């Protein structure tokens, strides 16, 4: 497992299950996290409130690796979003 995988998994695990509001590039997003398979896979979908941007990804933990699977967008967009968004209280 690479250090990038470790960082992404830590970020994903820190996101509360269900719906949260996050801020990314000074814009608010509604984010939903769903955990599956005893925390071995995650689905994250974030949509900009009052806008048309979105982030969608699946993250899988297998016995040999961790896999980031962005949905119809570049992996770098997803990674940058995860690393730079801030969860609101």
N, C-alpha and C. Protein backbone atom coordinates (compact mmCIF):
# COMPACT_ATOMS: atom_id res chain seq x y z
N UNK A 1 0.85 -1.18 0.00
CA UNK A 1 0.00 0.00 0.00
C UNK A 1 0.89 1.24 0.00
N UNK A 2 0.61 2.14 -0.91
CA UNK A 2 1.41 3.36 -1.01
C UNK A 2 1.00 4.38 0.05
N UNK A 3 1.84 5.38 0.25
CA UNK A 3 1.49 6.43 1.21
C UNK A 3 0.27 7.21 0.73
N UNK A 4 0.11 7.35 -0.58
CA UNK A 4 -1.09 8.01 -1.13
C UNK A 4 -2.35 7.23 -0.77
N UNK A 5 -2.29 5.89 -0.89
CA UNK A 5 -3.43 5.06 -0.52
C UNK A 5 -3.77 5.23 0.96
N UNK A 6 -2.75 5.27 1.79
CA UNK A 6 -2.95 5.43 3.23
C UNK A 6 -3.62 6.76 3.54
N UNK A 7 -3.16 7.82 2.90
CA UNK A 7 -3.74 9.16 3.12
C UNK A 7 -5.19 9.17 2.67
N UNK A 8 -5.48 8.64 1.48
CA UNK A 8 -6.87 8.64 0.98
C UNK A 8 -7.78 7.83 1.89
N UNK A 9 -7.33 6.67 2.33
CA UNK A 9 -8.16 5.86 3.23
C UNK A 9 -8.41 6.58 4.55
N UNK A 10 -7.41 7.25 5.09
CA UNK A 10 -7.61 8.02 6.33
C UNK A 10 -8.64 9.12 6.13
N UNK A 11 -8.58 9.81 5.00
CA UNK A 11 -9.55 10.87 4.71
C UNK A 11 -10.95 10.29 4.59
N UNK A 12 -11.07 9.21 3.83
CA UNK A 12 -12.39 8.59 3.61
C UNK A 12 -12.97 8.10 4.92
N UNK A 13 -12.16 7.47 5.76
CA UNK A 13 -12.65 6.97 7.05
C UNK A 13 -13.06 8.09 7.99
N UNK A 14 -12.46 9.27 7.85
CA UNK A 14 -12.79 10.41 8.70
C UNK A 14 -14.11 11.08 8.30
N UNK A 15 -14.59 10.82 7.10
CA UNK A 15 -15.86 11.41 6.66
C UNK A 15 -16.99 10.67 7.38
N UNK A 16 -17.92 11.39 8.00
CA UNK A 16 -19.03 10.72 8.68
C UNK A 16 -19.90 9.95 7.69
N UNK A 17 -20.43 8.84 8.15
CA UNK A 17 -21.38 8.06 7.36
C UNK A 17 -22.64 8.89 7.12
N UNK A 18 -23.22 8.77 5.94
CA UNK A 18 -24.43 9.51 5.61
C UNK A 18 -24.12 10.85 4.98
N UNK A 19 -24.97 11.83 5.25
CA UNK A 19 -24.88 13.14 4.61
C UNK A 19 -24.09 14.13 5.46
N UNK A 20 -23.22 14.88 4.79
CA UNK A 20 -22.46 15.96 5.44
C UNK A 20 -22.40 17.15 4.49
N UNK A 21 -22.16 18.32 5.04
CA UNK A 21 -21.87 19.48 4.22
C UNK A 21 -20.38 19.74 4.31
N UNK A 22 -19.76 19.95 3.15
CA UNK A 22 -18.32 20.23 3.10
C UNK A 22 -18.09 21.51 2.32
N UNK A 23 -16.92 22.11 2.53
CA UNK A 23 -16.51 23.29 1.77
C UNK A 23 -15.27 22.93 0.98
N UNK A 24 -15.30 23.28 -0.30
CA UNK A 24 -14.19 23.03 -1.21
C UNK A 24 -14.06 24.23 -2.13
N UNK A 25 -12.90 24.84 -2.16
CA UNK A 25 -12.66 26.05 -2.95
C UNK A 25 -13.72 27.12 -2.65
N UNK A 26 -14.02 27.32 -1.37
CA UNK A 26 -14.98 28.32 -0.88
C UNK A 26 -16.41 28.09 -1.37
N UNK A 27 -16.73 26.88 -1.80
CA UNK A 27 -18.09 26.52 -2.25
C UNK A 27 -18.58 25.38 -1.38
N UNK A 28 -19.88 25.38 -1.09
CA UNK A 28 -20.47 24.34 -0.26
C UNK A 28 -20.93 23.17 -1.13
N UNK A 29 -20.68 21.97 -0.63
CA UNK A 29 -21.09 20.73 -1.30
C UNK A 29 -21.87 19.88 -0.32
N UNK A 30 -22.89 19.19 -0.80
CA UNK A 30 -23.56 18.16 -0.03
C UNK A 30 -22.88 16.84 -0.36
N UNK A 31 -22.37 16.15 0.64
CA UNK A 31 -21.61 14.92 0.43
C UNK A 31 -22.30 13.77 1.13
N UNK A 32 -22.41 12.64 0.43
CA UNK A 32 -22.97 11.44 1.02
C UNK A 32 -21.94 10.33 0.95
N UNK A 33 -21.69 9.71 2.11
CA UNK A 33 -20.77 8.56 2.18
C UNK A 33 -21.57 7.34 2.62
N UNK A 34 -21.38 6.25 1.86
CA UNK A 34 -21.99 4.97 2.20
C UNK A 34 -20.88 3.94 2.30
N UNK A 35 -20.90 3.16 3.37
CA UNK A 35 -19.90 2.13 3.61
C UNK A 35 -20.53 0.76 3.37
N UNK A 36 -19.78 -0.11 2.68
CA UNK A 36 -20.25 -1.46 2.36
C UNK A 36 -19.22 -2.50 2.79
N UNK A 37 -19.64 -3.76 2.82
CA UNK A 37 -18.74 -4.91 3.00
C UNK A 37 -17.83 -4.79 4.22
N UNK A 38 -18.43 -4.50 5.36
CA UNK A 38 -17.64 -4.38 6.61
C UNK A 38 -16.49 -3.41 6.46
N UNK A 39 -16.77 -2.24 5.89
CA UNK A 39 -15.80 -1.16 5.70
C UNK A 39 -14.66 -1.57 4.76
N UNK A 40 -14.99 -2.39 3.78
CA UNK A 40 -14.00 -2.77 2.76
C UNK A 40 -14.27 -2.04 1.44
N UNK A 41 -15.41 -1.33 1.36
CA UNK A 41 -15.68 -0.51 0.17
C UNK A 41 -16.54 0.69 0.58
N UNK A 42 -16.34 1.78 -0.17
CA UNK A 42 -17.00 3.05 0.14
C UNK A 42 -17.50 3.69 -1.14
N UNK A 43 -18.63 4.34 -1.05
CA UNK A 43 -19.16 5.15 -2.14
C UNK A 43 -19.28 6.57 -1.62
N UNK A 44 -18.72 7.52 -2.36
CA UNK A 44 -18.81 8.94 -1.98
C UNK A 44 -19.33 9.72 -3.17
N UNK A 45 -20.35 10.53 -2.90
CA UNK A 45 -20.90 11.41 -3.92
C UNK A 45 -21.07 12.79 -3.30
N UNK A 46 -20.48 13.79 -3.92
CA UNK A 46 -20.61 15.17 -3.45
C UNK A 46 -21.11 16.03 -4.60
N UNK A 47 -22.07 16.89 -4.31
CA UNK A 47 -22.62 17.78 -5.32
C UNK A 47 -22.59 19.21 -4.80
N UNK A 48 -22.10 20.10 -5.63
CA UNK A 48 -22.04 21.51 -5.23
C UNK A 48 -23.45 22.05 -5.03
N UNK A 49 -23.65 22.67 -3.88
CA UNK A 49 -24.93 23.32 -3.61
C UNK A 49 -24.94 24.64 -4.38
N UNK A 50 -25.99 24.92 -5.07
CA UNK A 50 -26.11 26.12 -5.90
C UNK A 50 -25.06 26.13 -7.00
N UNK A 51 -24.88 25.00 -7.63
CA UNK A 51 -23.92 24.90 -8.74
C UNK A 51 -24.09 23.57 -9.45
N UNK A 52 -23.20 23.31 -10.39
CA UNK A 52 -23.36 22.08 -11.15
C UNK A 52 -22.15 21.15 -11.10
N UNK A 53 -21.21 21.36 -10.20
CA UNK A 53 -20.05 20.49 -10.08
C UNK A 53 -20.40 19.31 -9.18
N UNK A 54 -19.75 18.17 -9.42
CA UNK A 54 -19.94 17.02 -8.53
C UNK A 54 -18.68 16.18 -8.51
N UNK A 55 -18.58 15.36 -7.48
CA UNK A 55 -17.49 14.40 -7.30
C UNK A 55 -18.15 13.06 -6.99
N UNK A 56 -17.70 12.02 -7.67
CA UNK A 56 -18.27 10.69 -7.44
C UNK A 56 -17.16 9.65 -7.50
N UNK A 57 -17.12 8.77 -6.50
CA UNK A 57 -16.08 7.75 -6.48
C UNK A 57 -16.49 6.54 -5.67
N UNK A 58 -15.83 5.46 -5.97
CA UNK A 58 -15.87 4.25 -5.17
C UNK A 58 -14.44 3.96 -4.74
N UNK A 59 -14.29 3.40 -3.54
CA UNK A 59 -12.97 3.04 -3.03
C UNK A 59 -13.07 1.64 -2.47
N UNK A 60 -12.20 0.77 -2.95
CA UNK A 60 -12.24 -0.65 -2.57
C UNK A 60 -10.95 -1.06 -1.88
N UNK A 61 -11.09 -1.87 -0.85
CA UNK A 61 -9.93 -2.45 -0.16
C UNK A 61 -9.99 -3.95 -0.44
N UNK A 62 -8.97 -4.46 -1.12
CA UNK A 62 -8.89 -5.89 -1.40
C UNK A 62 -7.80 -6.49 -0.52
N UNK A 63 -7.61 -7.79 -0.64
CA UNK A 63 -6.58 -8.44 0.17
C UNK A 63 -5.17 -8.03 -0.26
N UNK A 64 -5.03 -7.50 -1.48
CA UNK A 64 -3.70 -7.14 -1.97
C UNK A 64 -3.52 -5.66 -2.28
N UNK A 65 -4.59 -4.89 -2.33
CA UNK A 65 -4.43 -3.48 -2.70
C UNK A 65 -5.65 -2.66 -2.31
N UNK A 66 -5.53 -1.37 -2.59
CA UNK A 66 -6.65 -0.44 -2.43
C UNK A 66 -6.87 0.21 -3.79
N UNK A 67 -8.12 0.32 -4.19
CA UNK A 67 -8.44 0.81 -5.52
C UNK A 67 -9.37 2.01 -5.46
N UNK A 68 -8.94 3.12 -6.01
CA UNK A 68 -9.77 4.30 -6.17
C UNK A 68 -10.40 4.21 -7.55
N UNK A 69 -11.72 4.27 -7.61
CA UNK A 69 -12.43 4.21 -8.88
C UNK A 69 -13.32 5.45 -9.02
N UNK A 70 -12.79 6.51 -9.63
CA UNK A 70 -13.62 7.69 -9.87
C UNK A 70 -14.71 7.35 -10.87
N UNK A 71 -15.83 8.02 -10.78
CA UNK A 71 -16.95 7.80 -11.69
C UNK A 71 -16.97 8.92 -12.73
N UNK A 72 -16.51 8.61 -13.91
CA UNK A 72 -16.57 9.51 -15.07
C UNK A 72 -15.86 10.85 -14.85
N UNK A 73 -14.71 10.79 -14.18
CA UNK A 73 -13.89 11.99 -14.00
C UNK A 73 -12.46 11.54 -13.71
N UNK A 74 -11.51 12.43 -13.91
CA UNK A 74 -10.11 12.05 -13.64
C UNK A 74 -9.86 11.78 -12.16
N UNK A 75 -8.99 10.83 -11.89
CA UNK A 75 -8.64 10.50 -10.51
C UNK A 75 -8.06 11.71 -9.79
N UNK A 76 -7.29 12.54 -10.48
CA UNK A 76 -6.67 13.71 -9.84
C UNK A 76 -7.73 14.68 -9.30
N UNK A 77 -8.85 14.82 -10.00
CA UNK A 77 -9.92 15.70 -9.52
C UNK A 77 -10.47 15.17 -8.19
N UNK A 78 -10.69 13.86 -8.13
CA UNK A 78 -11.21 13.24 -6.91
C UNK A 78 -10.22 13.36 -5.76
N UNK A 79 -8.96 13.05 -6.03
CA UNK A 79 -7.92 13.11 -5.00
C UNK A 79 -7.78 14.54 -4.46
N UNK A 80 -7.74 15.51 -5.36
CA UNK A 80 -7.60 16.90 -4.94
C UNK A 80 -8.79 17.33 -4.08
N UNK A 81 -10.00 16.92 -4.48
CA UNK A 81 -11.19 17.24 -3.70
C UNK A 81 -11.08 16.64 -2.29
N UNK A 82 -10.78 15.35 -2.21
CA UNK A 82 -10.69 14.70 -0.90
C UNK A 82 -9.65 15.35 0.00
N UNK A 83 -8.52 15.70 -0.56
CA UNK A 83 -7.45 16.29 0.24
C UNK A 83 -7.72 17.73 0.66
N UNK A 84 -8.60 18.43 -0.04
CA UNK A 84 -8.78 19.87 0.20
C UNK A 84 -10.16 20.27 0.71
N UNK A 85 -11.09 19.33 0.76
CA UNK A 85 -12.42 19.69 1.29
C UNK A 85 -12.38 19.71 2.80
N UNK A 86 -13.25 20.50 3.39
CA UNK A 86 -13.35 20.63 4.85
C UNK A 86 -14.78 20.30 5.27
N UNK A 87 -14.89 19.36 6.17
CA UNK A 87 -16.21 18.96 6.69
C UNK A 87 -16.71 20.06 7.63
N UNK A 88 -17.97 20.45 7.45
CA UNK A 88 -18.58 21.47 8.31
C UNK A 88 -19.24 20.82 9.50
N UNK A 89 -19.24 21.48 10.63
CA UNK A 89 -19.89 20.95 11.83
C UNK A 89 -21.40 21.11 11.75
